[in-house]
Protein backbone atom coordinates (compact mmCIF):
# COMPACT_ATOMS: atom_id res chain seq x y z
CA MET A 1 -6.51 -12.95 0.49
CA THR A 2 -8.27 -13.64 4.14
CA ALA A 3 -8.22 -17.51 5.21
CA ASP A 4 -12.63 -16.72 4.29
CA THR A 5 -11.57 -16.34 0.91
CA VAL A 6 -9.78 -19.01 0.41
CA LEU A 7 -12.73 -21.50 1.93
CA GLY A 8 -15.22 -19.34 0.53
CA LEU A 9 -13.41 -20.83 -3.26
CA CYS A 10 -13.42 -23.75 -2.09
CA PRO A 11 -16.40 -24.76 -0.72
CA ASP A 12 -15.84 -28.81 -0.79
CA GLY A 13 -12.53 -28.60 0.36
CA VAL A 14 -11.81 -30.59 -3.44
CA ASN A 15 -12.53 -28.32 -6.81
CA GLY A 16 -12.10 -24.42 -6.34
CA PRO A 17 -9.62 -21.88 -7.70
CA THR A 18 -8.50 -21.41 -4.21
CA CYS A 19 -7.83 -25.03 -2.65
CA GLY A 20 -4.23 -25.51 -3.88
CA PHE A 21 -3.55 -22.97 -0.56
CA VAL A 22 -5.28 -25.58 1.70
CA ARG A 23 -3.21 -28.25 2.96
CA ARG A 24 -5.03 -31.67 4.80
CA GLY A 25 -3.98 -34.27 6.32
CA PRO A 26 -5.34 -37.70 6.26
CA PRO A 27 -9.12 -38.97 6.07
CA GLU A 28 -9.90 -39.65 9.51
CA PRO A 29 -10.84 -43.74 9.15
CA ALA A 30 -14.45 -42.46 10.58
CA SER A 31 -15.10 -40.20 7.66
CA SER A 32 -12.78 -41.67 4.75
CA THR A 33 -15.05 -40.55 2.50
CA LEU A 34 -14.49 -36.43 3.52
CA PRO A 35 -11.40 -34.67 3.00
CA GLY A 36 -9.22 -35.00 5.56
CA PRO A 37 -8.38 -31.91 8.31
CA ILE A 38 -7.36 -28.79 7.63
CA GLU A 39 -3.75 -28.60 8.81
CA ILE A 40 -2.79 -25.20 7.41
CA ILE A 41 -4.46 -22.34 5.46
CA SER A 42 -1.53 -19.87 3.10
CA THR A 43 -3.30 -16.34 3.36
CA GLY A 44 -0.18 -15.17 1.20
CA LEU A 45 0.23 -12.69 -1.45
CA VAL A 46 -0.83 -14.37 -4.20
CA SER A 47 -1.12 -13.33 -7.95
CA PHE A 48 -4.24 -14.62 -9.36
CA GLY A 49 -4.44 -12.99 -12.90
CA THR A 50 -4.89 -9.87 -15.31
CA ASN A 51 -5.04 -6.27 -14.06
CA ARG A 52 -5.46 -3.60 -17.40
CA THR A 53 -5.14 0.37 -15.97
CA THR A 54 -5.29 2.98 -18.07
CA GLY A 55 -3.73 6.07 -16.96
CA ILE A 56 -1.62 9.21 -17.30
CA ASP A 57 2.00 9.35 -15.64
CA LEU A 58 3.22 13.34 -14.66
CA SER A 59 6.81 14.01 -14.38
CA ALA A 60 7.90 17.61 -14.13
CA ARG A 61 11.40 19.34 -12.16
CA TYR A 62 12.59 22.93 -11.57
CA LEU A 63 16.24 23.79 -10.55
CA PHE A 64 15.99 27.18 -9.02
CA PRO A 65 18.33 29.58 -10.00
CA MET A 66 21.94 29.63 -6.91
CA LEU A 67 21.44 31.29 -4.04
CA PRO A 68 23.87 32.36 -1.79
CA TRP A 69 22.67 29.64 0.36
CA GLY A 70 22.67 26.94 -1.56
CA GLN A 71 20.62 25.08 -4.65
CA LEU A 72 17.04 24.24 -4.70
CA THR A 73 15.82 22.00 -6.98
CA LEU A 74 11.95 20.83 -6.83
CA SER A 75 10.99 17.79 -8.66
CA GLY A 76 7.86 15.44 -8.74
CA GLN A 77 5.56 12.43 -10.27
CA GLY A 78 1.75 11.91 -10.23
CA THR A 79 -0.80 9.25 -11.56
CA TYR A 80 -3.86 9.72 -12.84
CA ILE A 81 -5.77 6.48 -13.49
CA ILE A 82 -8.73 6.23 -15.35
CA LYS A 83 -9.74 2.82 -15.77
CA TYR A 84 -8.78 -0.42 -13.76
CA LEU A 85 -9.66 -3.58 -14.85
CA GLN A 86 -8.73 -6.76 -12.29
CA GLN A 87 -9.41 -9.97 -12.68
CA GLN A 88 -12.20 -11.77 -10.09
CA VAL A 89 -10.70 -14.21 -7.54
CA SER A 90 -12.91 -16.43 -8.90
CA GLY A 91 -10.26 -16.85 -11.95
CA ASN A 92 -13.39 -14.96 -13.95
CA ASN A 93 -13.22 -12.45 -16.57
CA LEU A 94 -11.81 -8.77 -15.85
CA VAL A 95 -13.93 -6.34 -14.21
CA ASN A 96 -14.62 -2.99 -14.06
CA HIS A 97 -14.39 -2.07 -10.26
CA GLU A 98 -14.83 1.84 -8.72
CA LEU A 99 -11.52 3.10 -8.86
CA ASN A 100 -11.93 4.28 -4.81
CA THR A 101 -13.17 0.83 -3.86
CA GLY A 102 -11.82 -3.20 -4.75
CA PRO A 103 -11.57 -6.24 -3.79
CA PHE A 104 -7.45 -6.17 -1.98
CA GLY A 105 -7.69 -2.46 -1.07
CA ALA A 106 -8.00 0.90 -2.52
CA ILE A 107 -7.60 2.07 -5.89
CA PRO A 108 -6.87 5.96 -5.51
CA TYR A 109 -7.37 7.49 -8.22
CA TRP A 110 -4.42 10.33 -7.95
CA HIS A 111 -0.74 9.66 -6.16
CA HIS A 112 2.26 12.04 -6.94
CA TYR A 113 5.52 12.45 -4.97
CA LEU A 114 6.92 15.66 -4.81
CA THR A 115 10.84 16.60 -3.78
CA LEU A 116 12.61 19.54 -2.90
CA ASP A 117 16.06 18.79 -2.41
CA TRP A 118 18.97 21.71 -0.98
CA ASN A 119 22.88 21.55 -1.74
CA TYR A 120 24.87 24.02 -0.11
CA GLY A 121 28.66 22.35 -0.62
CA ALA A 122 29.29 19.64 2.23
CA TRP A 123 26.04 20.06 3.40
CA SER A 124 22.07 18.84 1.62
CA ALA A 125 18.89 18.33 2.53
CA THR A 126 15.68 16.85 1.47
CA LEU A 127 12.04 17.12 2.07
CA THR A 128 9.97 15.05 0.18
CA GLU A 129 5.95 14.47 0.41
CA ASN A 130 3.69 10.97 -0.73
CA PHE A 131 0.44 12.10 -1.25
CA LEU A 132 -3.16 9.39 -2.04
CA LYS A 133 -6.82 11.00 -2.61
CA GLY A 134 -9.28 10.05 -0.74
CA THR A 135 -10.75 6.19 -1.20
CA TYR A 136 -13.98 4.54 -0.60
CA ASP A 137 -14.57 1.87 2.06
CA VAL A 138 -16.15 -1.49 0.20
CA PHE A 139 -18.31 -2.05 2.81
CA ALA A 140 -20.94 0.84 3.44
CA SER A 141 -20.74 2.17 6.79
CA ASN A 142 -24.09 0.47 8.13
CA GLY A 143 -23.53 -2.35 6.43
CA THR A 144 -26.21 -2.86 3.69
CA SER A 145 -25.11 -2.12 0.06
CA THR A 146 -28.18 0.23 -0.12
CA SER A 147 -26.87 2.94 1.97
CA PRO A 148 -23.58 5.38 0.40
CA LEU A 149 -20.36 4.13 0.63
CA ARG A 150 -18.25 6.16 3.57
CA LYS A 151 -15.28 8.40 3.05
CA VAL A 152 -11.62 7.50 3.53
CA GLY A 153 -10.20 11.11 3.71
CA ASN A 154 -6.79 11.70 1.82
CA TYR A 155 -3.41 10.63 2.78
CA ASP A 156 -0.02 12.64 2.81
CA VAL A 157 3.06 12.03 4.75
CA TRP A 158 5.85 14.46 4.93
CA ASN A 159 9.80 13.13 5.81
CA LEU A 160 12.70 15.08 5.98
CA SER A 161 16.66 14.01 6.09
CA ALA A 162 19.48 16.17 5.60
CA SER A 163 22.75 15.26 5.20
CA TYR A 164 27.08 16.23 5.83
CA THR A 165 29.59 15.16 3.93
CA GLY A 166 32.85 17.24 5.06
CA LEU A 167 34.72 14.59 6.37
CA ALA A 168 37.24 12.57 4.30
CA GLY A 169 35.15 9.26 3.75
CA TRP A 170 32.47 10.20 6.32
CA ARG A 171 28.34 10.26 5.47
CA LEU A 172 26.65 11.49 8.59
CA SER A 173 22.36 11.20 8.41
CA ALA A 174 19.70 11.80 10.18
CA GLY A 175 15.94 13.06 9.49
CA ILE A 176 12.35 12.74 10.45
CA LYS A 177 9.86 10.02 8.43
CA ASN A 178 6.34 11.11 8.64
CA LEU A 179 7.07 14.72 9.77
CA PHE A 180 3.72 15.70 11.39
CA ASP A 181 2.55 12.46 12.76
CA ARG A 182 -0.03 11.39 10.32
CA ASN A 183 -2.55 8.84 11.26
CA PRO A 184 -4.02 6.80 8.80
CA PRO A 185 -7.77 7.73 7.91
CA PHE A 186 -9.68 5.29 9.62
CA THR A 187 -11.76 2.94 7.28
CA ASN A 188 -14.24 -0.25 8.06
CA GLN A 189 -12.69 -2.51 5.66
CA THR A 190 -12.34 -6.12 7.03
CA PHE A 191 -9.98 -7.88 4.14
CA SER A 192 -7.50 -6.94 5.66
CA ALA A 193 -8.28 -8.19 9.58
CA SER A 194 -8.47 -11.50 10.84
CA ALA A 195 -11.50 -13.42 11.62
CA GLY A 196 -13.68 -10.53 10.02
CA ALA A 197 -12.57 -7.88 12.47
CA PRO A 198 -12.73 -4.67 11.33
CA ALA A 199 -8.12 -3.24 11.28
CA GLY A 200 -9.64 0.40 11.13
CA TYR A 201 -6.86 1.33 8.28
CA ASP A 202 -6.13 -0.15 5.30
CA PRO A 203 -2.39 -1.55 4.66
CA THR A 204 -2.44 -0.88 0.37
CA TYR A 205 -2.70 2.63 0.82
CA ALA A 206 -1.66 3.49 4.65
CA ASN A 207 0.76 3.20 7.12
CA PRO A 208 -0.09 3.21 10.64
CA ILE A 209 3.88 4.01 12.09
CA GLY A 210 4.14 7.39 12.87
CA ARG A 211 6.81 9.83 13.60
CA VAL A 212 10.05 8.42 13.63
CA PHE A 213 13.58 10.21 14.48
CA TRP A 214 16.65 8.61 12.90
CA ALA A 215 20.30 8.13 12.27
CA ALA A 216 23.39 7.26 10.14
CA LEU A 217 26.58 7.26 10.12
CA ALA A 218 28.89 5.58 6.77
CA TYR A 219 32.01 5.39 5.47
CA SER A 220 33.03 4.63 2.46
CA PHE A 221 36.38 3.08 1.45
CA LYS A 222 38.08 4.07 -2.11
């Protein structure tokens, strides 16, 4: 929720569903009949009311036959959203937003997470894919309500990790997050930006962090 959203729903500084997020100082002597000057506007995460969704959750797991070089396991979970009802910021009744748009970020109608695990004695590795179906910008590409909404591309991120537990009590791990250095798909939304300037990506839908290498060493006491 941006400062503009808070102030837009608290027009007179006193009455409105978001006025509780505005902290004011004491009224100035020259304007004693007006609210005091704004000191802080809270723009954190807020729960205004109710969300109601209808969808289908899918889950599957397959254990491959044992091979000389190890055991493979493939699993996946997916969610298909059929309907998404969200209470408006103003506190009014639930409204049915289009699946691929919304006032607080994208609502992709399909999202799945795939995992491929490999185990061979003390060695193990995991490859994962996090996929979200493409959405649409809340605002039309040319700023008018009559033009077609701008398509935002699909977003998928692959991660790879491996570990070794052959040393008593020790676990050595390493991996790569965002294996293919995937950039967030561009969006011209402004709800998450400051001063109304587009952020360039939707933080509820994608992560701007690129490829990251990591390693860890752990010891377990018994």
